[in-house]
N, C-alpha and C. Protein backbone atom coordinates (compact mmCIF):
# COMPACT_ATOMS: atom_id res chain seq x y z
N MET A 1 -2.87 27.47 0.31
CA MET A 1 -2.48 26.67 -0.33
C MET A 1 -3.48 25.45 -0.73
N VAL A 2 -4.03 25.12 -1.98
CA VAL A 2 -4.98 24.23 -2.15
C VAL A 2 -4.32 22.40 -2.18
N GLU A 3 -5.05 21.80 -1.56
CA GLU A 3 -4.25 20.29 -1.55
C GLU A 3 -4.63 19.46 -2.34
N ILE A 4 -4.36 18.95 -2.82
CA ILE A 4 -4.60 17.79 -4.19
C ILE A 4 -5.45 16.76 -3.42
N MET A 5 -6.25 16.54 -4.07
CA MET A 5 -7.37 15.05 -3.72
C MET A 5 -6.89 13.82 -3.72
N ILE A 6 -6.54 13.10 -3.33
CA ILE A 6 -5.96 11.99 -3.52
C ILE A 6 -6.99 10.90 -3.65
N ALA A 7 -7.11 9.71 -4.47
CA ALA A 7 -8.01 8.51 -4.44
C ALA A 7 -6.93 7.22 -3.47
N VAL A 8 -8.08 6.85 -2.54
CA VAL A 8 -7.21 5.88 -2.24
C VAL A 8 -8.41 4.48 -2.66
N LEU A 9 -7.69 3.47 -3.26
CA LEU A 9 -8.64 2.62 -3.81
C LEU A 9 -8.14 1.57 -2.73
N PHE A 10 -9.14 0.44 -2.63
CA PHE A 10 -9.04 -0.75 -1.98
C PHE A 10 -9.13 -0.63 -0.51
N ALA A 11 -9.52 0.76 0.25
CA ALA A 11 -9.48 0.87 1.70
C ALA A 11 -10.30 -0.26 2.46
N ARG A 12 -10.27 -0.48 3.76
CA ARG A 12 -10.68 -0.95 4.50
C ARG A 12 -12.26 -0.03 4.52
N CYS A 13 -13.46 -0.67 5.14
CA CYS A 13 -15.00 0.00 5.47
C CYS A 13 -14.54 0.93 6.35
N ASP A 14 -13.67 0.42 7.50
CA ASP A 14 -13.46 1.17 8.57
C ASP A 14 -11.89 2.14 8.58
N SER A 15 -11.75 2.56 7.37
CA SER A 15 -10.34 3.22 7.02
C SER A 15 -9.92 4.39 7.81
N VAL A 16 -8.85 4.33 8.46
CA VAL A 16 -8.50 5.96 8.91
C VAL A 16 -8.43 7.08 7.67
N TYR A 17 -8.27 6.50 6.49
CA TYR A 17 -8.25 7.25 5.30
C TYR A 17 -9.65 8.35 5.42
N LYS A 18 -10.66 7.43 5.61
CA LYS A 18 -11.82 8.47 5.89
C LYS A 18 -12.04 9.50 6.70
N GLU A 19 -10.96 9.77 7.76
CA GLU A 19 -10.91 10.65 8.56
C GLU A 19 -10.06 11.82 7.80
N LEU A 20 -9.17 11.51 7.03
CA LEU A 20 -8.37 12.45 6.54
C LEU A 20 -8.94 13.27 5.34
N PRO A 21 -8.43 14.57 5.35
CA PRO A 21 -8.78 15.65 4.62
C PRO A 21 -8.30 15.22 3.18
N GLU A 22 -9.19 15.58 2.22
CA GLU A 22 -8.92 15.94 0.90
C GLU A 22 -8.10 14.24 0.42
N THR A 23 -9.00 13.24 0.69
CA THR A 23 -9.13 11.96 0.68
C THR A 23 -10.35 11.36 -0.15
N ASP A 24 -10.44 10.65 -1.51
CA ASP A 24 -11.55 10.35 -1.85
C ASP A 24 -11.53 8.63 -1.85
N VAL A 25 -12.17 8.15 -0.69
CA VAL A 25 -11.90 6.92 -0.17
C VAL A 25 -12.75 5.92 -1.08
N TRP A 26 -12.18 4.84 -1.57
CA TRP A 26 -13.01 3.83 -2.13
C TRP A 26 -12.78 2.52 -1.42
N ASP A 27 -13.88 2.13 -0.92
CA ASP A 27 -13.96 0.71 -0.01
C ASP A 27 -14.78 -0.61 -0.98
N ILE A 28 -14.56 -1.47 -0.11
CA ILE A 28 -15.60 -2.57 -0.97
C ILE A 28 -17.16 -2.15 -1.27
N GLU A 29 -17.49 -1.20 -0.68
CA GLU A 29 -18.81 -0.88 -1.18
C GLU A 29 -19.18 0.08 -2.28
N ARG A 30 -18.07 1.17 -2.53
CA ARG A 30 -17.97 1.93 -3.35
C ARG A 30 -17.40 1.14 -4.51
N ASP A 31 -16.56 0.26 -4.47
CA ASP A 31 -15.83 -0.63 -5.77
C ASP A 31 -15.08 0.25 -6.51
N ALA A 32 -13.74 0.25 -5.93
CA ALA A 32 -12.79 0.99 -6.80
C ALA A 32 -12.80 0.77 -8.38
N ARG A 33 -13.32 -0.05 -8.58
CA ARG A 33 -13.14 -0.55 -10.18
C ARG A 33 -13.92 0.51 -10.83
N ASN A 34 -15.03 1.57 -10.12
CA ASN A 34 -15.94 2.54 -10.69
C ASN A 34 -14.93 4.10 -10.58
N TRP A 35 -14.06 3.69 -9.71
CA TRP A 35 -13.17 5.39 -9.59
C TRP A 35 -13.00 5.57 -11.05
N PRO A 36 -13.41 6.88 -11.34
CA PRO A 36 -13.45 7.54 -12.69
C PRO A 36 -11.96 7.74 -13.02
N GLY A 37 -10.87 7.98 -12.07
CA GLY A 37 -9.55 8.49 -12.39
C GLY A 37 -9.38 9.80 -12.29
N GLY A 38 -8.45 10.60 -12.88
CA GLY A 38 -8.08 11.98 -12.17
C GLY A 38 -7.22 12.50 -11.27
N ALA A 39 -6.72 11.52 -10.33
CA ALA A 39 -6.27 11.90 -9.03
C ALA A 39 -4.90 11.00 -8.91
N PRO A 40 -4.00 11.29 -8.15
CA PRO A 40 -2.96 10.65 -7.63
C PRO A 40 -3.62 9.49 -6.88
N VAL A 41 -3.17 8.13 -6.79
CA VAL A 41 -3.64 7.40 -5.82
C VAL A 41 -2.86 6.68 -4.98
N ILE A 42 -3.59 6.34 -3.97
CA ILE A 42 -2.65 5.30 -2.89
C ILE A 42 -3.67 3.82 -3.12
N ALA A 43 -3.22 2.89 -3.38
CA ALA A 43 -3.60 1.60 -3.86
C ALA A 43 -3.33 0.70 -3.00
N HIS A 44 -4.29 0.18 -1.87
CA HIS A 44 -4.08 -1.03 -1.13
C HIS A 44 -4.99 -2.27 -1.66
N PRO A 45 -4.48 -2.79 -2.82
CA PRO A 45 -5.37 -3.76 -3.50
C PRO A 45 -5.26 -4.97 -2.58
N PRO A 46 -6.32 -5.82 -2.74
CA PRO A 46 -6.26 -7.30 -1.92
C PRO A 46 -4.86 -7.87 -1.89
N CYS A 47 -4.07 -8.31 -0.89
CA CYS A 47 -2.77 -9.26 -1.31
C CYS A 47 -3.06 -10.56 -0.76
N ARG A 48 -3.94 -11.15 -0.34
CA ARG A 48 -4.08 -12.82 0.27
C ARG A 48 -3.50 -13.63 -1.04
N ALA A 49 -4.15 -13.20 -2.59
CA ALA A 49 -4.04 -14.25 -3.54
C ALA A 49 -2.47 -14.23 -4.14
N TRP A 50 -1.71 -13.04 -3.43
CA TRP A 50 -0.58 -12.54 -4.06
C TRP A 50 0.52 -13.14 -3.09
N GLY A 51 0.03 -13.10 -1.90
CA GLY A 51 1.33 -13.06 -0.54
C GLY A 51 2.20 -14.58 -0.52
N ARG A 52 2.90 -14.81 0.70
CA ARG A 52 3.46 -15.94 1.05
C ARG A 52 2.58 -16.90 1.33
N LEU A 53 1.48 -16.89 2.15
CA LEU A 53 0.82 -17.57 2.60
C LEU A 53 -0.63 -17.61 1.36
N ARG A 54 -0.37 -17.50 0.09
CA ARG A 54 -1.73 -17.65 -1.02
C ARG A 54 -2.28 -18.94 -1.01
N GLN A 55 -1.69 -20.12 -0.55
CA GLN A 55 -1.95 -21.22 -1.23
C GLN A 55 -3.21 -21.80 0.33
N PHE A 56 -3.17 -20.93 1.24
CA PHE A 56 -4.25 -21.06 2.39
C PHE A 56 -5.31 -19.98 2.14
N ALA A 57 -5.11 -19.41 1.12
CA ALA A 57 -5.97 -17.86 1.36
C ALA A 57 -7.28 -18.35 0.37
N LYS A 58 -8.60 -17.28 0.50
CA LYS A 58 -9.70 -17.95 -0.41
C LYS A 58 -10.48 -16.41 -0.31
N PRO A 59 -9.29 -16.17 -1.74
CA PRO A 59 -10.09 -14.99 -2.32
C PRO A 59 -11.29 -14.67 -3.05
N ARG A 60 -12.31 -13.87 -3.10
CA ARG A 60 -13.28 -13.61 -3.84
C ARG A 60 -13.13 -13.77 -5.52
N LYS A 61 -14.05 -14.19 -5.91
CA LYS A 61 -13.74 -14.51 -7.63
C LYS A 61 -13.45 -12.79 -8.09
N GLY A 62 -12.33 -13.11 -9.03
CA GLY A 62 -11.59 -11.64 -9.38
C GLY A 62 -10.88 -10.99 -8.90
N GLU A 63 -10.75 -11.32 -7.42
CA GLU A 63 -9.71 -10.66 -6.44
C GLU A 63 -8.30 -9.96 -6.97
N ARG A 64 -7.99 -11.44 -7.48
CA ARG A 64 -6.53 -11.27 -7.86
C ARG A 64 -6.27 -10.26 -8.56
N GLN A 65 -6.97 -10.11 -9.51
CA GLN A 65 -7.20 -9.05 -10.96
C GLN A 65 -6.90 -7.53 -10.35
N LEU A 66 -7.18 -7.56 -9.08
CA LEU A 66 -7.90 -5.97 -8.60
C LEU A 66 -6.21 -5.38 -8.62
N ALA A 67 -5.51 -6.44 -8.02
CA ALA A 67 -3.72 -5.72 -7.85
C ALA A 67 -3.31 -5.36 -9.16
N ILE A 68 -3.21 -5.95 -10.31
CA ILE A 68 -3.01 -5.43 -11.38
C ILE A 68 -3.61 -4.44 -12.04
N TRP A 69 -4.99 -4.28 -12.01
CA TRP A 69 -5.79 -3.08 -12.37
C TRP A 69 -5.08 -1.87 -11.29
N SER A 70 -4.81 -2.06 -10.50
CA SER A 70 -4.34 -1.21 -9.12
C SER A 70 -2.71 -0.40 -10.08
N VAL A 71 -1.96 -1.24 -10.25
CA VAL A 71 -0.84 -1.08 -11.27
C VAL A 71 -1.05 0.23 -12.36
N ARG A 72 -2.26 -0.32 -13.04
CA ARG A 72 -2.19 0.28 -14.19
C ARG A 72 -2.71 1.96 -13.34
N GLN A 73 -3.67 1.85 -12.71
CA GLN A 73 -4.01 3.62 -12.24
C GLN A 73 -2.86 4.13 -11.86
N VAL A 74 -1.82 3.54 -10.81
CA VAL A 74 -0.73 4.32 -9.91
C VAL A 74 0.25 4.80 -11.36
N ARG A 75 0.54 3.95 -12.46
CA ARG A 75 1.25 3.88 -13.50
C ARG A 75 0.80 5.58 -14.71
N ARG A 76 -1.06 5.38 -14.49
CA ARG A 76 -1.67 6.36 -15.31
C ARG A 76 -1.39 7.52 -14.36
N PHE A 77 -1.97 7.53 -13.31
CA PHE A 77 -2.42 9.03 -12.80
C PHE A 77 -1.08 9.17 -11.45
N GLY A 78 0.02 8.32 -11.22
CA GLY A 78 0.98 8.81 -10.03
C GLY A 78 0.43 8.46 -8.99
N GLY A 79 1.30 7.98 -7.96
CA GLY A 79 0.87 7.65 -6.66
C GLY A 79 1.49 6.41 -6.15
N VAL A 80 1.11 5.63 -5.36
CA VAL A 80 1.80 4.39 -4.81
C VAL A 80 1.01 3.10 -4.59
N LEU A 81 1.45 2.08 -4.70
CA LEU A 81 0.78 0.69 -4.44
C LEU A 81 1.41 0.27 -3.50
N GLU A 82 0.87 -0.06 -2.01
CA GLU A 82 1.51 -0.81 -1.28
C GLU A 82 0.96 -2.41 -1.23
N HIS A 83 1.87 -3.28 -1.10
CA HIS A 83 1.72 -4.60 -0.59
C HIS A 83 2.80 -5.03 -0.10
N PRO A 84 2.61 -6.55 0.42
CA PRO A 84 3.65 -7.26 1.67
C PRO A 84 4.82 -7.67 0.82
N VAL A 85 6.19 -7.69 1.73
CA VAL A 85 7.38 -8.14 0.83
C VAL A 85 6.95 -9.60 0.60
N GLY A 86 7.18 -9.82 -0.29
CA GLY A 86 6.71 -11.32 -0.66
C GLY A 86 6.10 -12.14 -1.90
N SER A 87 5.24 -10.63 -1.82
CA SER A 87 4.10 -10.91 -2.89
C SER A 87 4.77 -10.86 -4.35
N LEU A 88 4.03 -11.77 -4.72
CA LEU A 88 4.27 -12.27 -6.22
C LEU A 88 3.77 -11.04 -7.30
N LEU A 89 3.02 -10.34 -6.77
CA LEU A 89 2.71 -9.40 -7.78
C LEU A 89 3.67 -8.36 -8.51
N TRP A 90 4.80 -8.22 -7.83
CA TRP A 90 5.83 -7.70 -8.60
C TRP A 90 6.66 -8.16 -9.68
N LYS A 91 6.31 -9.75 -9.58
CA LYS A 91 6.91 -10.45 -10.90
C LYS A 91 6.15 -10.48 -11.84
N LYS A 92 4.89 -10.61 -11.38
CA LYS A 92 3.75 -10.84 -12.57
C LYS A 92 3.66 -9.29 -13.26
N ALA A 93 3.28 -8.36 -12.56
CA ALA A 93 3.29 -6.83 -13.04
C ALA A 93 4.68 -6.17 -13.91
N GLY A 94 5.40 -7.23 -13.63
CA GLY A 94 6.79 -6.18 -14.18
C GLY A 94 7.18 -5.18 -13.39
N LEU A 95 7.17 -5.12 -12.15
CA LEU A 95 7.59 -4.28 -11.24
C LEU A 95 8.80 -4.09 -10.71
N PRO A 96 9.49 -2.80 -10.87
CA PRO A 96 11.20 -3.21 -10.49
C PRO A 96 11.46 -3.35 -9.03
N PRO A 97 12.31 -3.85 -8.71
CA PRO A 97 12.82 -4.64 -7.35
C PRO A 97 13.69 -3.13 -7.07
N PRO A 98 13.57 -3.45 -6.04
CA PRO A 98 14.67 -2.03 -4.88
C PRO A 98 15.80 -1.51 -6.01
N GLY A 99 15.99 -0.24 -6.40
CA GLY A 99 17.05 0.10 -7.04
C GLY A 99 17.43 0.22 -8.21
N ALA A 100 16.22 -0.49 -8.73
CA ALA A 100 15.68 -0.39 -10.27
C ALA A 100 14.65 0.56 -10.85
N ARG A 101 14.45 1.07 -11.89
CA ARG A 101 13.29 1.52 -12.67
C ARG A 101 12.66 0.74 -13.48
N ASP A 102 11.22 1.35 -13.62
CA ASP A 102 10.73 0.59 -15.31
C ASP A 102 10.44 1.40 -15.95
N GLN A 103 9.89 1.40 -16.78
CA GLN A 103 9.53 2.33 -18.40
C GLN A 103 8.66 3.04 -18.07
N TYR A 104 8.14 3.33 -16.89
CA TYR A 104 6.87 4.31 -16.40
C TYR A 104 7.53 5.12 -15.14
N GLY A 105 9.24 4.76 -15.27
CA GLY A 105 9.78 5.65 -14.10
C GLY A 105 9.41 5.20 -12.72
N GLY A 106 8.84 3.94 -12.62
CA GLY A 106 8.37 3.59 -11.34
C GLY A 106 9.25 2.62 -10.45
N TRP A 107 9.33 3.12 -9.39
CA TRP A 107 10.33 2.41 -8.72
C TRP A 107 9.75 1.61 -7.35
N THR A 108 10.62 0.78 -6.64
CA THR A 108 10.28 0.13 -5.51
C THR A 108 10.78 0.70 -4.34
N LEU A 109 10.15 0.74 -3.12
CA LEU A 109 10.62 1.34 -1.57
C LEU A 109 10.22 0.35 -0.66
N PRO A 110 11.26 -0.21 -0.09
CA PRO A 110 10.75 -1.50 1.07
C PRO A 110 10.94 -0.44 2.15
N ILE A 111 9.92 -0.84 2.78
CA ILE A 111 9.72 0.12 4.28
C ILE A 111 9.23 -1.05 5.41
N HIS A 112 9.30 -0.65 6.56
CA HIS A 112 9.11 -1.58 7.91
C HIS A 112 7.95 -0.49 8.53
N GLN A 113 6.44 -1.25 8.53
CA GLN A 113 5.36 -0.44 8.96
C GLN A 113 5.38 0.34 10.30
N HIS A 114 6.35 -0.79 11.18
CA HIS A 114 6.20 -0.11 12.55
C HIS A 114 7.15 1.15 12.41
N TRP A 115 7.56 1.34 11.36
CA TRP A 115 8.49 2.85 11.61
C TRP A 115 7.29 3.88 11.91
N TRP A 116 6.16 3.54 11.56
CA TRP A 116 5.10 4.46 11.53
C TRP A 116 3.94 4.27 12.69
N GLY A 117 4.39 3.58 13.72
CA GLY A 117 3.48 2.77 14.88
C GLY A 117 2.52 1.72 14.53
N HIS A 118 3.14 0.94 13.97
CA HIS A 118 2.53 -0.52 13.72
C HIS A 118 3.17 -1.30 14.90
N ARG A 119 2.01 -2.08 15.47
CA ARG A 119 3.04 -3.19 16.53
C ARG A 119 3.68 -4.26 15.91
N ALA A 120 3.48 -4.71 14.61
CA ALA A 120 4.21 -5.65 14.32
C ALA A 120 5.01 -4.97 13.28
N GLU A 121 6.28 -5.19 12.79
CA GLU A 121 7.36 -5.09 11.81
C GLU A 121 6.89 -4.64 10.42
N LYS A 122 5.95 -5.62 9.64
CA LYS A 122 4.81 -5.51 8.66
C LYS A 122 5.66 -5.12 7.62
N ALA A 123 6.77 -6.17 6.98
CA ALA A 123 7.53 -5.81 5.93
C ALA A 123 6.66 -5.43 4.79
N THR A 124 6.86 -3.98 4.02
CA THR A 124 6.06 -3.87 3.04
C THR A 124 6.80 -3.23 1.76
N LEU A 125 6.17 -3.50 0.66
CA LEU A 125 7.15 -2.96 -0.67
C LEU A 125 6.03 -2.03 -0.89
N LEU A 126 6.51 -0.78 -1.30
CA LEU A 126 5.64 0.39 -2.24
C LEU A 126 5.97 0.91 -3.75
N TYR A 127 5.41 0.41 -4.58
CA TYR A 127 5.55 1.01 -6.11
C TYR A 127 5.12 2.36 -6.04
N ILE A 128 6.43 3.25 -6.66
CA ILE A 128 6.07 4.65 -6.34
C ILE A 128 6.23 5.17 -8.00
N VAL A 129 5.14 5.95 -8.64
CA VAL A 129 5.53 6.50 -9.75
C VAL A 129 5.03 8.29 -9.60
N GLY A 130 5.94 8.94 -10.23
CA GLY A 130 5.87 10.17 -10.35
C GLY A 130 6.23 10.98 -9.07
N CYS A 131 7.38 10.46 -7.97
CA CYS A 131 8.13 11.21 -7.16
C CYS A 131 9.61 10.74 -6.95
N GLU A 132 10.41 11.22 -7.29
CA GLU A 132 11.93 10.82 -7.20
C GLU A 132 12.20 10.26 -5.80
N PRO A 133 13.10 9.29 -5.55
CA PRO A 133 13.46 9.29 -4.10
C PRO A 133 13.77 10.17 -3.18
N HIS A 134 14.74 11.59 -3.86
CA HIS A 134 15.13 12.81 -3.08
C HIS A 134 13.63 13.64 -2.72
N GLU A 135 12.77 13.40 -3.45
CA GLU A 135 11.52 13.98 -2.85
C GLU A 135 10.72 13.46 -1.95
N LEU A 136 10.51 12.23 -1.68
CA LEU A 136 9.77 11.64 -0.63
C LEU A 136 9.83 12.69 0.51
N PRO A 137 8.87 12.38 1.17
CA PRO A 137 8.44 12.95 2.84
C PRO A 137 9.19 12.00 3.65
N PRO A 138 9.80 12.85 4.71
CA PRO A 138 10.70 12.03 5.77
C PRO A 138 10.21 10.57 6.22
N ILE A 139 11.15 9.99 6.19
CA ILE A 139 10.82 8.72 6.44
C ILE A 139 11.56 8.35 8.08
N PRO A 140 10.72 8.12 9.13
CA PRO A 140 10.58 8.06 10.44
C PRO A 140 11.35 6.76 10.81
N LEU A 141 12.46 6.34 10.51
CA LEU A 141 13.21 5.04 10.91
C LEU A 141 13.16 4.82 12.11
N GLN A 142 12.63 3.54 12.63
CA GLN A 142 12.22 3.10 14.18
C GLN A 142 13.48 2.14 14.12
N LEU A 143 14.28 1.96 15.23
CA LEU A 143 14.98 0.78 15.31
C LEU A 143 14.77 -0.05 16.64
N GLY A 144 15.26 -1.03 16.67
CA GLY A 144 14.80 -2.11 17.76
C GLY A 144 13.80 -3.11 17.01
N GLU A 145 13.00 -4.04 17.75
CA GLU A 145 12.22 -4.69 17.42
C GLU A 145 10.80 -4.73 18.20
N PRO A 146 9.58 -4.59 17.12
CA PRO A 146 8.10 -4.04 17.33
C PRO A 146 7.92 -5.46 18.87
N THR A 147 6.86 -4.54 18.86
CA THR A 147 6.53 -5.56 20.18
C THR A 147 5.61 -6.92 19.82
N HIS A 148 4.87 -7.03 18.53
CA HIS A 148 4.46 -8.06 18.11
C HIS A 148 4.68 -8.61 16.92
N VAL A 149 4.27 -9.68 16.59
CA VAL A 149 4.67 -10.20 15.19
C VAL A 149 3.38 -10.44 14.48
N VAL A 150 3.41 -10.77 12.59
CA VAL A 150 2.48 -11.20 12.14
C VAL A 150 2.77 -12.66 11.60
N GLN A 151 2.32 -13.70 12.01
CA GLN A 151 2.39 -15.05 12.25
C GLN A 151 1.49 -15.90 11.92
N SER A 152 1.12 -16.81 11.25
CA SER A 152 0.66 -17.65 10.29
C SER A 152 0.10 -18.72 11.73
N ARG A 153 0.68 -19.08 12.70
CA ARG A 153 0.95 -20.12 13.58
C ARG A 153 1.41 -19.75 14.73
N LYS A 154 0.98 -20.27 15.94
CA LYS A 154 1.83 -20.18 17.36
C LYS A 154 2.73 -20.76 17.22
N ARG A 155 3.84 -20.36 17.77
CA ARG A 155 4.93 -20.87 18.17
C ARG A 155 5.37 -20.47 19.76
N THR A 156 5.96 -21.53 20.33
CA THR A 156 6.53 -21.44 21.55
C THR A 156 7.65 -20.40 21.45
N GLY A 157 7.51 -19.16 22.47
CA GLY A 157 8.47 -18.36 23.13
C GLY A 157 7.99 -17.22 22.21
N SER A 158 7.48 -16.87 21.14
CA SER A 158 6.99 -15.76 20.07
C SER A 158 6.51 -15.04 20.85
N ARG A 159 6.39 -13.27 20.17
CA ARG A 159 6.08 -12.32 20.72
C ARG A 159 4.10 -12.35 20.51
N PRO A 160 3.46 -11.79 20.90
CA PRO A 160 2.00 -11.65 20.67
C PRO A 160 1.81 -11.28 19.11
N HIS A 161 1.12 -12.24 18.79
CA HIS A 161 0.19 -11.99 17.26
C HIS A 161 -0.72 -10.55 17.13
N ILE A 162 -0.62 -9.82 16.14
CA ILE A 162 -1.62 -9.06 15.81
C ILE A 162 -2.79 -9.54 14.85
N SER A 163 -4.19 -8.88 15.26
CA SER A 163 -5.28 -9.72 14.84
C SER A 163 -5.29 -9.56 13.25
N LYS A 164 -6.18 -10.21 12.48
CA LYS A 164 -6.54 -10.05 11.10
C LYS A 164 -6.66 -8.77 10.63
N ALA A 165 -7.68 -8.23 11.26
CA ALA A 165 -7.96 -6.91 11.54
C ALA A 165 -6.74 -5.67 11.17
N GLU A 166 -5.85 -5.83 12.37
CA GLU A 166 -4.60 -5.28 12.71
C GLU A 166 -3.41 -5.65 10.95
N ARG A 167 -3.53 -6.59 10.71
CA ARG A 167 -2.57 -7.13 9.73
C ARG A 167 -3.17 -5.74 8.42
N GLU A 168 -4.52 -5.86 8.30
CA GLU A 168 -5.12 -5.19 7.06
C GLU A 168 -5.34 -3.71 7.41
N HIS A 169 -5.30 -3.25 8.55
CA HIS A 169 -5.09 -1.53 8.82
C HIS A 169 -3.93 -1.03 8.48
N THR A 170 -4.08 0.03 8.28
CA THR A 170 -2.77 0.82 8.01
C THR A 170 -2.53 2.20 9.26
N PRO A 171 -1.46 1.86 9.61
CA PRO A 171 -0.93 2.85 11.06
C PRO A 171 -1.74 4.56 10.59
N PRO A 172 -2.47 5.06 11.47
CA PRO A 172 -2.72 6.60 10.67
C PRO A 172 -1.34 7.13 10.56
N GLU A 173 -0.30 7.29 11.06
CA GLU A 173 1.12 7.53 10.64
C GLU A 173 1.43 7.65 9.38
N LEU A 174 1.32 6.36 9.00
CA LEU A 174 1.76 6.03 7.63
C LEU A 174 0.91 6.53 6.54
N ALA A 175 -0.72 6.47 6.89
CA ALA A 175 -1.67 6.87 6.34
C ALA A 175 -1.18 8.36 5.66
N MET A 176 -1.16 9.34 6.72
CA MET A 176 -0.93 10.66 6.22
C MET A 176 0.00 10.80 5.68
N TRP A 177 1.50 10.14 6.09
CA TRP A 177 2.71 9.97 5.13
C TRP A 177 2.30 9.38 3.46
N LEU A 178 1.61 8.28 3.55
CA LEU A 178 1.33 7.92 1.80
C LEU A 178 0.37 8.89 1.19
N CYS A 179 -0.79 9.73 2.32
CA CYS A 179 -1.08 10.84 1.51
C CYS A 179 -0.44 12.10 1.01
N GLU A 180 0.83 12.52 1.81
CA GLU A 180 1.75 13.39 1.17
C GLU A 180 2.36 12.64 0.17
N LEU A 181 3.05 11.73 0.34
CA LEU A 181 3.63 10.94 -1.15
C LEU A 181 2.80 11.18 -2.28
N ALA A 182 1.68 10.47 -2.27
CA ALA A 182 0.94 10.64 -3.12
C ALA A 182 0.77 11.79 -3.87
N ARG A 183 0.34 12.91 -3.07
CA ARG A 183 0.35 14.64 -3.53
C ARG A 183 1.80 14.91 -4.12
N ARG A 184 2.84 14.30 -3.75
CA ARG A 184 3.89 14.68 -4.35
C ARG A 184 3.95 14.03 -5.82
N CYS A 185 3.43 13.03 -5.89
CA CYS A 185 3.55 12.16 -7.28
C CYS A 185 2.35 12.67 -8.20
N SER A 186 1.75 13.63 -8.03
CA SER A 186 0.95 14.06 -9.25
C SER A 186 1.10 14.14 -10.41
N LYS A 187 0.45 13.77 -11.29
CA LYS A 187 0.85 13.57 -13.08
C LYS A 187 -0.40 14.21 -13.19
N SER A 188 -0.21 14.79 -14.46
CA SER A 188 -1.29 15.20 -15.17
C SER A 188 -1.77 13.85 -16.12
N THR A 189 -3.05 13.88 -16.16
CA THR A 189 -3.64 12.82 -16.49
C THR A 189 -3.50 12.57 -18.20
N THR A 190 -3.26 10.84 -18.67
CA THR A 190 -2.85 10.75 -19.90
C THR A 190 -3.82 9.95 -20.31
């Protein structure tokens, strides 16, 4: 069986996706805005200008618009966009809340990245186009508290914090799952 090539947009330079087969990884050096299209997408656009702590963020010039551009790619070619719960991108781009659909057939799946091995819960929203809920790869639900937290400041008695780099990395198991999901989202290019 021939694997479908997946475009991974806005990956870290040290991304686990670079180790996975049939992935065309676009990090900051390749600049995803130069991606020619034509394949299902996994989009990880920068979230610091959209998230809960955006008032403390210092995004690069034009960085906020990368998320809107990513939404257009997912809608055109199929695939999945990942952003944190609480991202204002959902409202700005007209992305549907969980349980609803948009005019592109897109829908939102809330997940916790610790289900795939992340040390913190890392509540995440996935915007998916081209794959129905019943077509998803199996989701490895994990019960219980993760060992670490994603937090902006130290609090007495809290679990240990993850590092900035760990907040940005995708767990290997989740990366493989997202690749399988994106393959199932393959659309004809329009």
